[in-house]
Amino acid sequence: MRKVVLSVNITMNGMMAGPNGELDWHYEYWSDEIAHESHALLQSMGAILVGRITYEAMLKHWSQVAISPYQPPKTGGMPN
């Protein structure tokens, strides 16, 4: 049976975003350790489920990324 893992950036008072939906507070606390753990978590996933806001942000970014026909897509996680 597959596991469901919840990974959320959240403040001590339970907020995920600022009053206007901004996520800039995340960058202030981002570190190499957090990057390493996030990468390891993403590498272990077979699928990812995101909410509408995250999906729209990811769609906006990834729909503009050119995919080379000479480089097959990587499977099984994030690139190293």
N, C-alpha and C. Protein backbone atom coordinates (compact mmCIF):
# COMPACT_ATOMS: atom_id res chain seq x y z
N MET A 1 0.85 -1.17 0.00
CA MET A 1 0.00 0.00 0.00
C MET A 1 0.89 1.23 0.00
N ARG A 2 0.52 2.23 -0.78
CA ARG A 2 1.30 3.46 -0.86
C ARG A 2 0.97 4.37 0.32
N LYS A 3 1.94 5.19 0.68
CA LYS A 3 1.77 6.14 1.79
C LYS A 3 1.38 7.51 1.25
N VAL A 4 0.66 8.26 2.04
CA VAL A 4 0.38 9.66 1.76
C VAL A 4 1.20 10.47 2.76
N VAL A 5 2.03 11.37 2.24
CA VAL A 5 2.90 12.20 3.08
C VAL A 5 2.52 13.66 2.85
N LEU A 6 2.27 14.37 3.94
CA LEU A 6 1.95 15.79 3.87
C LEU A 6 3.20 16.59 4.15
N SER A 7 3.55 17.49 3.24
CA SER A 7 4.70 18.37 3.42
C SER A 7 4.22 19.80 3.23
N VAL A 8 4.31 20.61 4.27
CA VAL A 8 3.77 21.96 4.24
C VAL A 8 4.74 22.93 4.90
N ASN A 9 4.94 24.09 4.29
CA ASN A 9 5.66 25.18 4.94
C ASN A 9 4.62 26.01 5.67
N ILE A 10 4.76 26.08 6.98
CA ILE A 10 3.74 26.75 7.80
C ILE A 10 4.42 27.49 8.95
N THR A 11 3.87 28.63 9.33
CA THR A 11 4.43 29.41 10.44
C THR A 11 3.99 28.83 11.77
N MET A 12 4.62 29.29 12.83
CA MET A 12 4.28 28.81 14.17
C MET A 12 2.82 29.12 14.54
N ASN A 13 2.26 30.18 13.94
CA ASN A 13 0.86 30.51 14.26
C ASN A 13 -0.11 29.96 13.20
N GLY A 14 0.35 28.99 12.39
CA GLY A 14 -0.54 28.27 11.50
C GLY A 14 -0.81 28.90 10.15
N MET A 15 -0.03 29.88 9.75
CA MET A 15 -0.26 30.54 8.47
C MET A 15 0.64 29.93 7.39
N MET A 16 0.08 29.78 6.19
CA MET A 16 0.86 29.26 5.06
C MET A 16 1.28 30.38 4.12
N ALA A 17 0.56 31.49 4.15
CA ALA A 17 0.84 32.62 3.27
C ALA A 17 0.52 33.91 4.02
N GLY A 18 1.04 35.01 3.47
CA GLY A 18 0.76 36.32 4.05
C GLY A 18 -0.67 36.74 3.76
N PRO A 19 -1.08 37.92 4.24
CA PRO A 19 -2.46 38.38 4.08
C PRO A 19 -2.92 38.51 2.63
N ASN A 20 -1.95 38.72 1.72
CA ASN A 20 -2.29 38.86 0.30
C ASN A 20 -1.87 37.63 -0.50
N GLY A 21 -1.65 36.52 0.18
CA GLY A 21 -1.27 35.28 -0.49
C GLY A 21 0.21 35.16 -0.80
N GLU A 22 1.01 36.11 -0.35
CA GLU A 22 2.44 36.08 -0.65
C GLU A 22 3.15 34.97 0.13
N LEU A 23 4.17 34.42 -0.50
CA LEU A 23 4.94 33.32 0.09
C LEU A 23 6.39 33.73 0.34
N ASP A 24 6.67 35.01 0.30
CA ASP A 24 8.06 35.47 0.41
C ASP A 24 8.72 35.15 1.74
N TRP A 25 7.94 34.90 2.77
CA TRP A 25 8.54 34.56 4.06
C TRP A 25 9.27 33.23 4.00
N HIS A 26 8.91 32.37 3.07
CA HIS A 26 9.58 31.07 2.93
C HIS A 26 11.06 31.25 2.63
N TYR A 27 11.39 32.23 1.80
CA TYR A 27 12.78 32.42 1.36
C TYR A 27 13.70 32.83 2.49
N GLU A 28 13.18 33.56 3.45
CA GLU A 28 13.99 34.02 4.57
C GLU A 28 14.56 32.86 5.39
N TYR A 29 13.82 31.77 5.45
CA TYR A 29 14.22 30.64 6.29
C TYR A 29 14.75 29.45 5.49
N TRP A 30 14.79 29.56 4.16
CA TRP A 30 15.26 28.45 3.33
C TRP A 30 16.75 28.24 3.55
N SER A 31 17.16 27.00 3.65
CA SER A 31 18.58 26.69 3.90
C SER A 31 18.99 25.50 3.05
N ASP A 32 20.28 25.21 3.03
CA ASP A 32 20.78 24.03 2.32
C ASP A 32 20.19 22.76 2.90
N GLU A 33 20.01 22.73 4.22
CA GLU A 33 19.44 21.56 4.88
C GLU A 33 17.99 21.33 4.42
N ILE A 34 17.21 22.40 4.36
CA ILE A 34 15.82 22.29 3.90
C ILE A 34 15.80 21.85 2.44
N ALA A 35 16.68 22.42 1.62
CA ALA A 35 16.75 22.05 0.21
C ALA A 35 17.08 20.57 0.06
N HIS A 36 18.03 20.09 0.84
CA HIS A 36 18.43 18.68 0.78
C HIS A 36 17.26 17.77 1.18
N GLU A 37 16.58 18.09 2.28
CA GLU A 37 15.46 17.27 2.73
C GLU A 37 14.29 17.32 1.74
N SER A 38 14.03 18.49 1.17
CA SER A 38 12.95 18.61 0.19
C SER A 38 13.26 17.79 -1.06
N HIS A 39 14.51 17.85 -1.50
CA HIS A 39 14.93 17.09 -2.68
C HIS A 39 14.80 15.59 -2.41
N ALA A 40 15.24 15.15 -1.23
CA ALA A 40 15.14 13.73 -0.88
C ALA A 40 13.67 13.28 -0.86
N LEU A 41 12.80 14.11 -0.31
CA LEU A 41 11.37 13.78 -0.27
C LEU A 41 10.80 13.67 -1.69
N LEU A 42 11.14 14.63 -2.54
CA LEU A 42 10.64 14.60 -3.92
C LEU A 42 11.17 13.39 -4.68
N GLN A 43 12.42 13.01 -4.43
CA GLN A 43 13.01 11.84 -5.09
C GLN A 43 12.27 10.56 -4.72
N SER A 44 11.72 10.50 -3.52
CA SER A 44 11.07 9.28 -3.04
C SER A 44 9.61 9.15 -3.51
N MET A 45 9.08 10.18 -4.12
CA MET A 45 7.66 10.19 -4.49
C MET A 45 7.41 9.52 -5.84
N GLY A 46 6.27 8.87 -5.92
CA GLY A 46 5.80 8.33 -7.18
C GLY A 46 4.79 9.25 -7.83
N ALA A 47 4.22 10.15 -7.04
CA ALA A 47 3.23 11.11 -7.52
C ALA A 47 3.20 12.28 -6.53
N ILE A 48 2.67 13.39 -6.98
CA ILE A 48 2.54 14.56 -6.11
C ILE A 48 1.15 15.14 -6.31
N LEU A 49 0.52 15.49 -5.22
CA LEU A 49 -0.82 16.08 -5.26
C LEU A 49 -0.69 17.49 -4.69
N VAL A 50 -1.11 18.48 -5.47
CA VAL A 50 -1.03 19.87 -5.03
C VAL A 50 -2.41 20.51 -5.12
N GLY A 51 -2.58 21.60 -4.42
CA GLY A 51 -3.83 22.36 -4.48
C GLY A 51 -3.88 23.26 -5.70
N ARG A 52 -5.00 23.91 -5.87
CA ARG A 52 -5.22 24.74 -7.06
C ARG A 52 -4.21 25.86 -7.20
N ILE A 53 -3.91 26.57 -6.12
CA ILE A 53 -2.99 27.70 -6.18
C ILE A 53 -1.59 27.24 -6.57
N THR A 54 -1.12 26.17 -5.95
CA THR A 54 0.19 25.63 -6.28
C THR A 54 0.21 25.11 -7.72
N TYR A 55 -0.85 24.43 -8.11
CA TYR A 55 -0.94 23.92 -9.48
C TYR A 55 -0.85 25.07 -10.48
N GLU A 56 -1.59 26.14 -10.25
CA GLU A 56 -1.57 27.27 -11.18
C GLU A 56 -0.19 27.91 -11.25
N ALA A 57 0.50 28.01 -10.11
CA ALA A 57 1.86 28.58 -10.11
C ALA A 57 2.81 27.67 -10.87
N MET A 58 2.71 26.36 -10.65
CA MET A 58 3.58 25.41 -11.34
C MET A 58 3.28 25.38 -12.84
N LEU A 59 2.02 25.43 -13.20
CA LEU A 59 1.62 25.42 -14.60
C LEU A 59 2.20 26.64 -15.32
N LYS A 60 2.11 27.79 -14.67
CA LYS A 60 2.63 29.02 -15.27
C LYS A 60 4.13 28.88 -15.56
N HIS A 61 4.86 28.31 -14.61
CA HIS A 61 6.31 28.14 -14.79
C HIS A 61 6.62 27.07 -15.82
N TRP A 62 6.11 25.84 -15.61
CA TRP A 62 6.52 24.71 -16.43
C TRP A 62 5.99 24.76 -17.85
N SER A 63 4.91 25.48 -18.09
CA SER A 63 4.41 25.59 -19.47
C SER A 63 5.32 26.47 -20.31
N GLN A 64 6.21 27.24 -19.67
CA GLN A 64 7.15 28.10 -20.40
C GLN A 64 8.54 27.48 -20.53
N VAL A 65 8.76 26.33 -19.92
CA VAL A 65 10.06 25.67 -19.98
C VAL A 65 10.13 24.85 -21.26
N ALA A 66 11.13 25.14 -22.08
CA ALA A 66 11.30 24.40 -23.32
C ALA A 66 11.85 23.00 -23.02
N ILE A 67 11.28 22.01 -23.67
CA ILE A 67 11.75 20.64 -23.53
C ILE A 67 12.48 20.27 -24.81
N SER A 68 13.73 19.87 -24.68
CA SER A 68 14.53 19.50 -25.83
C SER A 68 14.07 18.14 -26.37
N PRO A 69 13.86 18.04 -27.69
CA PRO A 69 13.48 16.73 -28.24
C PRO A 69 14.64 15.74 -28.20
N TYR A 70 15.85 16.23 -27.94
CA TYR A 70 17.03 15.38 -27.90
C TYR A 70 17.34 14.85 -26.51
N GLN A 71 16.60 15.29 -25.52
CA GLN A 71 16.83 14.84 -24.15
C GLN A 71 15.54 14.24 -23.62
N PRO A 72 15.52 12.92 -23.40
CA PRO A 72 14.29 12.31 -22.89
C PRO A 72 13.99 12.79 -21.48
N PRO A 73 12.71 12.88 -21.12
CA PRO A 73 12.38 13.32 -19.76
C PRO A 73 12.87 12.32 -18.74
N LYS A 74 13.29 12.83 -17.58
CA LYS A 74 13.71 11.96 -16.48
C LYS A 74 12.46 11.42 -15.80
N THR A 75 12.57 10.20 -15.32
CA THR A 75 11.46 9.61 -14.60
C THR A 75 11.96 9.21 -13.21
N GLY A 76 11.04 9.04 -12.29
CA GLY A 76 11.41 8.58 -10.97
C GLY A 76 11.82 9.68 -10.04
N GLY A 77 11.50 10.93 -10.34
CA GLY A 77 11.81 11.99 -9.39
C GLY A 77 12.41 13.21 -10.07
N MET A 78 12.94 14.07 -9.22
CA MET A 78 13.55 15.32 -9.67
C MET A 78 14.95 15.03 -10.22
N PRO A 79 15.44 15.86 -11.17
CA PRO A 79 16.80 15.68 -11.65
C PRO A 79 17.82 15.99 -10.56
N ASN A 80 18.97 15.35 -10.65
CA ASN A 80 20.04 15.58 -9.65
C ASN A 80 20.70 16.93 -9.84
